[in-house]
């Protein structure tokens, strides 16, 4: 069973993807899954669903932004077949 707060974030992220919501701020205590959901898995899912669109990642530090974008790229690279997409090997940068 998925935790209530995770389901709430999931609903909001789907609204973002569908264009029903333009902005989202997620504030929760540490270790509640914000970064995993919003900065790693959602960008990978979004690009799998909408491969012609773009995603811009931003964070408090360049190291954190690189970690998130690299994780999202790796997730999409591993599971892109579920969406029928793959990363170009020549420009598969984070």
PDB file of N, CA and C in Angstrom:
ATOM      1  N   UNK A   1       0.845  -1.179   0.000  1.00  0.00           N
ATOM      2  CA  UNK A   1       0.000   0.000   0.000  1.00  0.00           C
ATOM      3  C   UNK A   1       0.890   1.241   0.000  1.00  0.00           C
ATOM      4  N   UNK A   2       0.586   2.152  -0.896  1.00  0.00           N
ATOM      5  CA  UNK A   2       1.352   3.384  -1.000  1.00  0.00           C
ATOM      6  C   UNK A   2       0.933   4.357   0.100  1.00  0.00           C
ATOM      7  N   UNK A   3       1.891   5.041   0.698  1.00  0.00           N
ATOM      8  CA  UNK A   3       1.602   6.007   1.756  1.00  0.00           C
ATOM      9  C   UNK A   3       0.736   7.147   1.221  1.00  0.00           C
ATOM     10  N   UNK A   4      -0.105   7.702   2.075  1.00  0.00           N
ATOM     11  CA  UNK A   4      -1.041   8.761   1.690  1.00  0.00           C
ATOM     12  C   UNK A   4      -0.316   9.962   1.091  1.00  0.00           C
ATOM     13  N   UNK A   5       0.784  10.376   1.696  1.00  0.00           N
ATOM     14  CA  UNK A   5       1.485  11.553   1.182  1.00  0.00           C
ATOM     15  C   UNK A   5       2.117  11.273  -0.186  1.00  0.00           C
ATOM     16  N   UNK A   6       2.523  10.047  -0.426  1.00  0.00           N
ATOM     17  CA  UNK A   6       3.081   9.687  -1.726  1.00  0.00           C
ATOM     18  C   UNK A   6       1.983   9.698  -2.789  1.00  0.00           C
ATOM     19  N   UNK A   7       0.809   9.210  -2.447  1.00  0.00           N
ATOM     20  CA  UNK A   7      -0.317   9.249  -3.390  1.00  0.00           C
ATOM     21  C   UNK A   7      -0.705  10.693  -3.711  1.00  0.00           C
ATOM     22  N   UNK A   8      -0.659  11.580  -2.713  1.00  0.00           N
ATOM     23  CA  UNK A   8      -0.998  12.985  -2.937  1.00  0.00           C
ATOM     24  C   UNK A   8       0.007  13.641  -3.890  1.00  0.00           C
ATOM     25  N   UNK A   9       1.280  13.370  -3.683  1.00  0.00           N
ATOM     26  CA  UNK A   9       2.306  13.906  -4.582  1.00  0.00           C
ATOM     27  C   UNK A   9       2.110  13.344  -5.987  1.00  0.00           C
ATOM     28  N   UNK A  10       1.841  12.057  -6.082  1.00  0.00           N
ATOM     29  CA  UNK A  10       1.626  11.402  -7.375  1.00  0.00           C
ATOM     30  C   UNK A  10       0.471  12.056  -8.128  1.00  0.00           C
ATOM     31  N   UNK A  11      -0.629  12.319  -7.441  1.00  0.00           N
ATOM     32  CA  UNK A  11      -1.778  12.996  -8.084  1.00  0.00           C
ATOM     33  C   UNK A  11      -1.379  14.364  -8.613  1.00  0.00           C
ATOM     34  N   UNK A  12      -0.649  15.109  -7.806  1.00  0.00           N
ATOM     35  CA  UNK A  12      -0.236  16.457  -8.219  1.00  0.00           C
ATOM     36  C   UNK A  12       0.721  16.411  -9.409  1.00  0.00           C
ATOM     37  N   UNK A  13       1.621  15.456  -9.424  1.00  0.00           N
ATOM     38  CA  UNK A  13       2.550  15.328 -10.545  1.00  0.00           C
ATOM     39  C   UNK A  13       1.823  14.932 -11.827  1.00  0.00           C
ATOM     40  N   UNK A  14       0.801  14.098 -11.710  1.00  0.00           N
ATOM     41  CA  UNK A  14      -0.011  13.768 -12.881  1.00  0.00           C
ATOM     42  C   UNK A  14      -0.755  14.997 -13.387  1.00  0.00           C
ATOM     43  N   UNK A  15      -1.220  15.841 -12.480  1.00  0.00           N
ATOM     44  CA  UNK A  15      -1.878  17.087 -12.889  1.00  0.00           C
ATOM     45  C   UNK A  15      -0.901  18.014 -13.608  1.00  0.00           C
ATOM     46  N   UNK A  16       0.336  18.046 -13.140  1.00  0.00           N
ATOM     47  CA  UNK A  16       1.367  18.836 -13.827  1.00  0.00           C
ATOM     48  C   UNK A  16       1.557  18.307 -15.248  1.00  0.00           C
ATOM     49  N   UNK A  17       1.716  17.003 -15.381  1.00  0.00           N
ATOM     50  CA  UNK A  17       1.941  16.387 -16.696  1.00  0.00           C
ATOM     51  C   UNK A  17       0.765  16.612 -17.634  1.00  0.00           C
ATOM     52  N   UNK A  18      -0.444  16.607 -17.086  1.00  0.00           N
ATOM     53  CA  UNK A  18      -1.645  16.786 -17.907  1.00  0.00           C
ATOM     54  C   UNK A  18      -1.935  18.251 -18.210  1.00  0.00           C
ATOM     55  N   UNK A  19      -1.186  19.155 -17.604  1.00  0.00           N
ATOM     56  CA  UNK A  19      -1.411  20.571 -17.841  1.00  0.00           C
ATOM     57  C   UNK A  19      -2.511  21.174 -16.990  1.00  0.00           C
ATOM     58  N   UNK A  20      -3.036  20.424 -16.043  1.00  0.00           N
ATOM     59  CA  UNK A  20      -4.092  20.937 -15.166  1.00  0.00           C
ATOM     60  C   UNK A  20      -3.536  21.808 -14.052  1.00  0.00           C
ATOM     61  N   UNK A  21      -2.242  21.710 -13.824  1.00  0.00           N
ATOM     62  CA  UNK A  21      -1.576  22.496 -12.790  1.00  0.00           C
ATOM     63  C   UNK A  21      -0.252  22.970 -13.369  1.00  0.00           C
ATOM     64  N   UNK A  22       0.079  24.217 -13.138  1.00  0.00           N
ATOM     65  CA  UNK A  22       1.313  24.779 -13.694  1.00  0.00           C
ATOM     66  C   UNK A  22       2.439  24.858 -12.666  1.00  0.00           C
ATOM     67  N   UNK A  23       2.100  24.817 -11.388  1.00  0.00           N
ATOM     68  CA  UNK A  23       3.116  24.980 -10.338  1.00  0.00           C
ATOM     69  C   UNK A  23       2.863  24.002  -9.206  1.00  0.00           C
ATOM     70  N   UNK A  24       3.958  23.598  -8.582  1.00  0.00           N
ATOM     71  CA  UNK A  24       3.844  22.692  -7.443  1.00  0.00           C
ATOM     72  C   UNK A  24       5.028  22.911  -6.522  1.00  0.00           C
ATOM     73  N   UNK A  25       4.748  23.123  -5.263  1.00  0.00           N
ATOM     74  CA  UNK A  25       5.781  23.194  -4.238  1.00  0.00           C
ATOM     75  C   UNK A  25       5.513  22.048  -3.275  1.00  0.00           C
ATOM     76  N   UNK A  26       6.509  21.207  -3.066  1.00  0.00           N
ATOM     77  CA  UNK A  26       6.371  20.071  -2.161  1.00  0.00           C
ATOM     78  C   UNK A  26       7.253  20.332  -0.947  1.00  0.00           C
ATOM     79  N   UNK A  27       6.622  20.450   0.201  1.00  0.00           N
ATOM     80  CA  UNK A  27       7.359  20.681   1.442  1.00  0.00           C
ATOM     81  C   UNK A  27       7.000  19.592   2.442  1.00  0.00           C
ATOM     82  N   UNK A  28       7.987  18.815   2.801  1.00  0.00           N
ATOM     83  CA  UNK A  28       7.825  17.749   3.785  1.00  0.00           C
ATOM     84  C   UNK A  28       9.144  17.587   4.523  1.00  0.00           C
ATOM     85  N   UNK A  29       9.108  16.921   5.653  1.00  0.00           N
ATOM     86  CA  UNK A  29      10.365  16.659   6.367  1.00  0.00           C
ATOM     87  C   UNK A  29      11.303  15.785   5.517  1.00  0.00           C
ATOM     88  N   UNK A  30      12.572  15.785   5.864  1.00  0.00           N
ATOM     89  CA  UNK A  30      13.523  14.923   5.153  1.00  0.00           C
ATOM     90  C   UNK A  30      13.092  13.452   5.204  1.00  0.00           C
ATOM     91  N   UNK A  31      13.530  12.719   4.171  1.00  0.00           N
ATOM     92  CA  UNK A  31      13.341  11.270   4.088  1.00  0.00           C
ATOM     93  C   UNK A  31      11.890  10.846   3.862  1.00  0.00           C
ATOM     94  N   UNK A  32      11.086  11.710   3.243  1.00  0.00           N
ATOM     95  CA  UNK A  32       9.707  11.359   2.930  1.00  0.00           C
ATOM     96  C   UNK A  32       9.495  11.077   1.442  1.00  0.00           C
ATOM     97  N   UNK A  33      10.555  11.118   0.646  1.00  0.00           N
ATOM     98  CA  UNK A  33      10.457  10.735  -0.754  1.00  0.00           C
ATOM     99  C   UNK A  33      10.296  11.876  -1.734  1.00  0.00           C
ATOM    100  N   UNK A  34      10.423  13.117  -1.297  1.00  0.00           N
ATOM    101  CA  UNK A  34      10.263  14.260  -2.197  1.00  0.00           C
ATOM    102  C   UNK A  34      11.216  14.186  -3.381  1.00  0.00           C
ATOM    103  N   UNK A  35      12.476  14.048  -3.090  1.00  0.00           N
ATOM    104  CA  UNK A  35      13.483  14.056  -4.152  1.00  0.00           C
ATOM    105  C   UNK A  35      13.352  12.841  -5.062  1.00  0.00           C
ATOM    106  N   UNK A  36      13.123  11.683  -4.470  1.00  0.00           N
ATOM    107  CA  UNK A  36      12.977  10.467  -5.286  1.00  0.00           C
ATOM    108  C   UNK A  36      11.815  10.619  -6.274  1.00  0.00           C
ATOM    109  N   UNK A  37      10.682  11.078  -5.788  1.00  0.00           N
ATOM    110  CA  UNK A  37       9.500  11.198  -6.635  1.00  0.00           C
ATOM    111  C   UNK A  37       9.601  12.351  -7.621  1.00  0.00           C
ATOM    112  N   UNK A  38       9.904  13.532  -7.110  1.00  0.00           N
ATOM    113  CA  UNK A  38       9.821  14.748  -7.918  1.00  0.00           C
ATOM    114  C   UNK A  38      11.047  15.004  -8.788  1.00  0.00           C
ATOM    115  N   UNK A  39      12.206  14.597  -8.335  1.00  0.00           N
ATOM    116  CA  UNK A  39      13.434  14.957  -9.034  1.00  0.00           C
ATOM    117  C   UNK A  39      14.115  13.800  -9.744  1.00  0.00           C
ATOM    118  N   UNK A  40      13.674  12.592  -9.484  1.00  0.00           N
ATOM    119  CA  UNK A  40      14.277  11.435 -10.152  1.00  0.00           C
ATOM    120  C   UNK A  40      13.248  10.674 -10.996  1.00  0.00           C
ATOM    121  N   UNK A  41      12.224  10.146 -10.340  1.00  0.00           N
ATOM    122  CA  UNK A  41      11.272   9.296 -11.062  1.00  0.00           C
ATOM    123  C   UNK A  41      10.307  10.068 -11.944  1.00  0.00           C
ATOM    124  N   UNK A  42       9.813  11.216 -11.474  1.00  0.00           N
ATOM    125  CA  UNK A  42       8.873  11.975 -12.311  1.00  0.00           C
ATOM    126  C   UNK A  42       9.509  12.457 -13.612  1.00  0.00           C
ATOM    127  N   UNK A  43      10.702  13.062 -13.596  1.00  0.00           N
ATOM    128  CA  UNK A  43      11.284  13.474 -14.882  1.00  0.00           C
ATOM    129  C   UNK A  43      11.496  12.299 -15.840  1.00  0.00           C
ATOM    130  N   UNK A  44      11.907  11.161 -15.308  1.00  0.00           N
ATOM    131  CA  UNK A  44      12.104   9.989 -16.167  1.00  0.00           C
ATOM    132  C   UNK A  44      10.773   9.523 -16.750  1.00  0.00           C
ATOM    133  N   UNK A  45       9.738   9.442 -15.925  1.00  0.00           N
ATOM    134  CA  UNK A  45       8.415   9.046 -16.404  1.00  0.00           C
ATOM    135  C   UNK A  45       7.884  10.050 -17.416  1.00  0.00           C
ATOM    136  N   UNK A  46       8.028  11.336 -17.102  1.00  0.00           N
ATOM    137  CA  UNK A  46       7.519  12.396 -17.969  1.00  0.00           C
ATOM    138  C   UNK A  46       8.161  12.327 -19.348  1.00  0.00           C
ATOM    139  N   UNK A  47       9.472  12.165 -19.397  1.00  0.00           N
ATOM    140  CA  UNK A  47      10.158  12.076 -20.690  1.00  0.00           C
ATOM    141  C   UNK A  47       9.831  10.777 -21.420  1.00  0.00           C
ATOM    142  N   UNK A  48       9.545   9.721 -20.667  1.00  0.00           N
ATOM    143  CA  UNK A  48       9.096   8.488 -21.307  1.00  0.00           C
ATOM    144  C   UNK A  48       7.724   8.652 -21.930  1.00  0.00           C
ATOM    145  N   UNK A  49       6.838   9.354 -21.244  1.00  0.00           N
ATOM    146  CA  UNK A  49       5.481   9.586 -21.748  1.00  0.00           C
ATOM    147  C   UNK A  49       5.440  10.632 -22.860  1.00  0.00           C
ATOM    148  N   UNK A  50       6.276  11.644 -22.752  1.00  0.00           N
ATOM    149  CA  UNK A  50       6.284  12.770 -23.688  1.00  0.00           C
ATOM    150  C   UNK A  50       7.710  13.007 -24.195  1.00  0.00           C
ATOM    151  N   UNK A  51       8.218  12.116 -25.031  1.00  0.00           N
ATOM    152  CA  UNK A  51       9.634  12.171 -25.419  1.00  0.00           C
ATOM    153  C   UNK A  51      10.029  13.404 -26.225  1.00  0.00           C
ATOM    154  N   UNK A  52       9.088  14.138 -26.784  1.00  0.00           N
ATOM    155  CA  UNK A  52       9.445  15.324 -27.557  1.00  0.00           C
ATOM    156  C   UNK A  52       9.483  16.588 -26.694  1.00  0.00           C
ATOM    157  N   UNK A  53       9.094  16.481 -25.448  1.00  0.00           N
ATOM    158  CA  UNK A  53       9.114  17.627 -24.541  1.00  0.00           C
ATOM    159  C   UNK A  53      10.465  17.706 -23.818  1.00  0.00           C
ATOM    160  N   UNK A  54      10.671  18.804 -23.126  1.00  0.00           N
ATOM    161  CA  UNK A  54      11.922  19.025 -22.392  1.00  0.00           C
ATOM    162  C   UNK A  54      11.644  19.143 -20.905  1.00  0.00           C
ATOM    163  N   UNK A  55      12.655  18.830 -20.111  1.00  0.00           N
ATOM    164  CA  UNK A  55      12.587  18.986 -18.664  1.00  0.00           C
ATOM    165  C   UNK A  55      13.813  19.758 -18.222  1.00  0.00           C
ATOM    166  N   UNK A  56      13.605  20.760 -17.397  1.00  0.00           N
ATOM    167  CA  UNK A  56      14.728  21.492 -16.822  1.00  0.00           C
ATOM    168  C   UNK A  56      14.794  21.167 -15.340  1.00  0.00           C
ATOM    169  N   UNK A  57      15.961  20.757 -14.884  1.00  0.00           N
ATOM    170  CA  UNK A  57      16.152  20.417 -13.480  1.00  0.00           C
ATOM    171  C   UNK A  57      16.932  21.539 -12.813  1.00  0.00           C
ATOM    172  N   UNK A  58      16.498  21.916 -11.629  1.00  0.00           N
ATOM    173  CA  UNK A  58      17.209  22.918 -10.844  1.00  0.00           C
ATOM    174  C   UNK A  58      17.248  22.446  -9.394  1.00  0.00           C
ATOM    175  N   UNK A  59      18.266  22.877  -8.681  1.00  0.00           N
ATOM    176  CA  UNK A  59      18.408  22.475  -7.290  1.00  0.00           C
ATOM    177  C   UNK A  59      19.208  23.522  -6.536  1.00  0.00           C
ATOM    178  N   UNK A  60      19.339  23.320  -5.251  1.00  0.00           N
ATOM    179  CA  UNK A  60      20.058  24.263  -4.405  1.00  0.00           C
ATOM    180  C   UNK A  60      21.554  24.277  -4.713  1.00  0.00           C
ATOM    181  N   UNK A  61      22.098  23.162  -5.147  1.00  0.00           N
ATOM    182  CA  UNK A  61      23.525  23.091  -5.470  1.00  0.00           C
ATOM    183  C   UNK A  61      23.711  22.397  -6.812  1.00  0.00           C
ATOM    184  N   UNK A  62      24.825  22.666  -7.452  1.00  0.00           N
ATOM    185  CA  UNK A  62      25.077  22.008  -8.730  1.00  0.00           C
ATOM    186  C   UNK A  62      25.304  20.512  -8.564  1.00  0.00           C
ATOM    187  N   UNK A  63      25.880  20.097  -7.430  1.00  0.00           N
ATOM    188  CA  UNK A  63      26.083  18.670  -7.186  1.00  0.00           C
ATOM    189  C   UNK A  63      24.754  17.930  -7.068  1.00  0.00           C
ATOM    190  N   UNK A  64      23.813  18.539  -6.362  1.00  0.00           N
ATOM    191  CA  UNK A  64      22.498  17.921  -6.194  1.00  0.00           C
ATOM    192  C   UNK A  64      21.746  17.875  -7.513  1.00  0.00           C
ATOM    193  N   UNK A  65      21.812  18.948  -8.293  1.00  0.00           N
ATOM    194  CA  UNK A  65      21.164  18.967  -9.604  1.00  0.00           C
ATOM    195  C   UNK A  65      21.747  17.886 -10.506  1.00  0.00           C
ATOM    196  N   UNK A  66      23.057  17.723 -10.462  1.00  0.00           N
ATOM    197  CA  UNK A  66      23.692  16.687 -11.287  1.00  0.00           C
ATOM    198  C   UNK A  66      23.285  15.293 -10.826  1.00  0.00           C
ATOM    199  N   UNK A  67      23.206  15.093  -9.506  1.00  0.00           N
ATOM    200  CA  UNK A  67      22.769  13.797  -8.985  1.00  0.00           C
ATOM    201  C   UNK A  67      21.353  13.468  -9.448  1.00  0.00           C
ATOM    202  N   UNK A  68      20.445  14.441  -9.351  1.00  0.00           N
ATOM    203  CA  UNK A  68      19.061  14.212  -9.751  1.00  0.00           C
ATOM    204  C   UNK A  68      18.952  13.941 -11.247  1.00  0.00           C
ATOM    205  N   UNK A  69      19.624  14.760 -12.065  1.00  0.00           N
ATOM    206  CA  UNK A  69      19.511  14.580 -13.511  1.00  0.00           C
ATOM    207  C   UNK A  69      20.161  13.269 -13.959  1.00  0.00           C
ATOM    208  N   UNK A  70      21.272  12.902 -13.328  1.00  0.00           N
ATOM    209  CA  UNK A  70      21.915  11.631 -13.663  1.00  0.00           C
ATOM    210  C   UNK A  70      21.022  10.457 -13.276  1.00  0.00           C
ATOM    211  N   UNK A  71      20.393  10.540 -12.110  1.00  0.00           N
ATOM    212  CA  UNK A  71      19.481   9.466 -11.679  1.00  0.00           C
ATOM    213  C   UNK A  71      18.291   9.359 -12.617  1.00  0.00           C
ATOM    214  N   UNK A  72      17.706  10.490 -12.984  1.00  0.00           N
ATOM    215  CA  UNK A  72      16.562  10.471 -13.906  1.00  0.00           C
ATOM    216  C   UNK A  72      16.965   9.881 -15.250  1.00  0.00           C
ATOM    217  N   UNK A  73      18.140  10.269 -15.761  1.00  0.00           N
ATOM    218  CA  UNK A  73      18.636   9.716 -17.025  1.00  0.00           C
ATOM    219  C   UNK A  73      18.829   8.209 -16.919  1.00  0.00           C
ATOM    220  N   UNK A  74      19.433   7.755 -15.822  1.00  0.00           N
ATOM    221  CA  UNK A  74      19.688   6.321 -15.646  1.00  0.00           C
ATOM    222  C   UNK A  74      18.390   5.529 -15.525  1.00  0.00           C
ATOM    223  N   UNK A  75      17.403   6.087 -14.844  1.00  0.00           N
ATOM    224  CA  UNK A  75      16.097   5.425 -14.708  1.00  0.00           C
ATOM    225  C   UNK A  75      15.443   5.297 -16.074  1.00  0.00           C
ATOM    226  N   UNK A  76      15.460   6.370 -16.853  1.00  0.00           N
ATOM    227  CA  UNK A  76      14.867   6.311 -18.187  1.00  0.00           C
ATOM    228  C   UNK A  76      15.650   5.371 -19.094  1.00  0.00           C
ATOM    229  N   UNK A  77      16.947   5.364 -18.965  1.00  0.00           N
ATOM    230  CA  UNK A  77      17.769   4.459 -19.762  1.00  0.00           C
ATOM    231  C   UNK A  77      17.445   3.002 -19.449  1.00  0.00           C
ATOM    232  N   UNK A  78      17.236   2.703 -18.174  1.00  0.00           N
ATOM    233  CA  UNK A  78      16.942   1.330 -17.758  1.00  0.00           C
ATOM    234  C   UNK A  78      15.527   0.896 -18.118  1.00  0.00           C
ATOM    235  N   UNK A  79      14.561   1.809 -17.988  1.00  0.00           N
ATOM    236  CA  UNK A  79      13.156   1.436 -18.160  1.00  0.00           C
ATOM    237  C   UNK A  79      12.496   2.072 -19.382  1.00  0.00           C
ATOM    238  N   UNK A  80      13.267   2.693 -20.249  1.00  0.00           N
ATOM    239  CA  UNK A  80      12.711   3.352 -21.426  1.00  0.00           C
ATOM    240  C   UNK A  80      11.930   2.413 -22.328  1.00  0.00           C
ATOM    241  N   UNK A  81      12.284   1.141 -22.314  1.00  0.00           N
ATOM    242  CA  UNK A  81      11.563   0.166 -23.137  1.00  0.00           C
ATOM    243  C   UNK A  81      10.087   0.066 -22.774  1.00  0.00           C
ATOM    244  N   UNK A  82       9.755   0.361 -21.530  1.00  0.00           N
ATOM    245  CA  UNK A  82       8.344   0.350 -21.126  1.00  0.00           C
ATOM    246  C   UNK A  82       7.536   1.390 -21.884  1.00  0.00           C
ATOM    247  N   UNK A  83       8.207   2.465 -22.301  1.00  0.00           N
ATOM    248  CA  UNK A  83       7.551   3.557 -23.019  1.00  0.00           C
ATOM    249  C   UNK A  83       7.829   3.511 -24.507  1.00  0.00           C
ATOM    250  N   UNK A  84       8.700   2.609 -24.920  1.00  0.00           N
ATOM    251  CA  UNK A  84       9.081   2.548 -26.326  1.00  0.00           C
ATOM    252  C   UNK A  84      10.059   3.651 -26.702  1.00  0.00           C
ATOM    253  N   UNK A  85      10.830   4.137 -25.732  1.00  0.00           N
ATOM    254  CA  UNK A  85      11.816   5.178 -26.006  1.00  0.00           C
ATOM    255  C   UNK A  85      13.187   4.709 -25.540  1.00  0.00           C
ATOM    256  N   UNK A  86      14.201   5.330 -26.090  1.00  0.00           N
ATOM    257  CA  UNK A  86      15.564   5.061 -25.640  1.00  0.00           C
ATOM    258  C   UNK A  86      16.363   6.349 -25.760  1.00  0.00           C
ATOM    259  N   UNK A  87      17.464   6.411 -25.040  1.00  0.00           N
ATOM    260  CA  UNK A  87      18.337   7.571 -25.092  1.00  0.00           C
ATOM    261  C   UNK A  87      19.305   7.417 -26.244  1.00  0.00           C
ATOM    262  N   UNK A  88      19.571   8.516 -26.912  1.00  0.00           N
ATOM    263  CA  UNK A  88      20.604   8.484 -27.947  1.00  0.00           C
ATOM    264  C   UNK A  88      21.947   8.307 -27.272  1.00  0.00           C
ATOM    265  N   UNK A  89      22.708   7.360 -27.736  1.00  0.00           N
ATOM    266  CA  UNK A  89      24.011   7.087 -27.119  1.00  0.00           C
ATOM    267  C   UNK A  89      25.001   8.229 -27.313  1.00  0.00           C
ATOM    268  N   UNK A  90      24.879   8.969 -28.414  1.00  0.00           N
ATOM    269  CA  UNK A  90      25.839  10.026 -28.676  1.00  0.00           C
ATOM    270  C   UNK A  90      25.602  11.291 -27.849  1.00  0.00           C
ATOM    271  N   UNK A  91      24.366  11.477 -27.325  1.00  0.00           N
ATOM    272  CA  UNK A  91      24.088  12.660 -26.507  1.00  0.00           C
ATOM    273  C   UNK A  91      23.259  12.299 -25.285  1.00  0.00           C
ATOM    274  N   UNK A  92      23.621  11.253 -24.604  1.00  0.00           N
ATOM    275  CA  UNK A  92      22.875  10.801 -23.437  1.00  0.00           C
ATOM    276  C   UNK A  92      23.409  11.464 -22.163  1.00  0.00           C
ATOM    277  N   UNK A  93      23.600  12.790 -22.235  1.00  0.00           N
ATOM    278  CA  UNK A  93      24.149  13.490 -21.070  1.00  0.00           C
ATOM    279  C   UNK A  93      23.084  13.755 -20.038  1.00  0.00           C
ATOM    280  N   UNK A  94      23.545  14.040 -18.835  1.00  0.00           N
ATOM    281  CA  UNK A  94      22.628  14.346 -17.736  1.00  0.00           C
ATOM    282  C   UNK A  94      22.161  15.786 -17.850  1.00  0.00           C
TER     283      UNK A  94
END
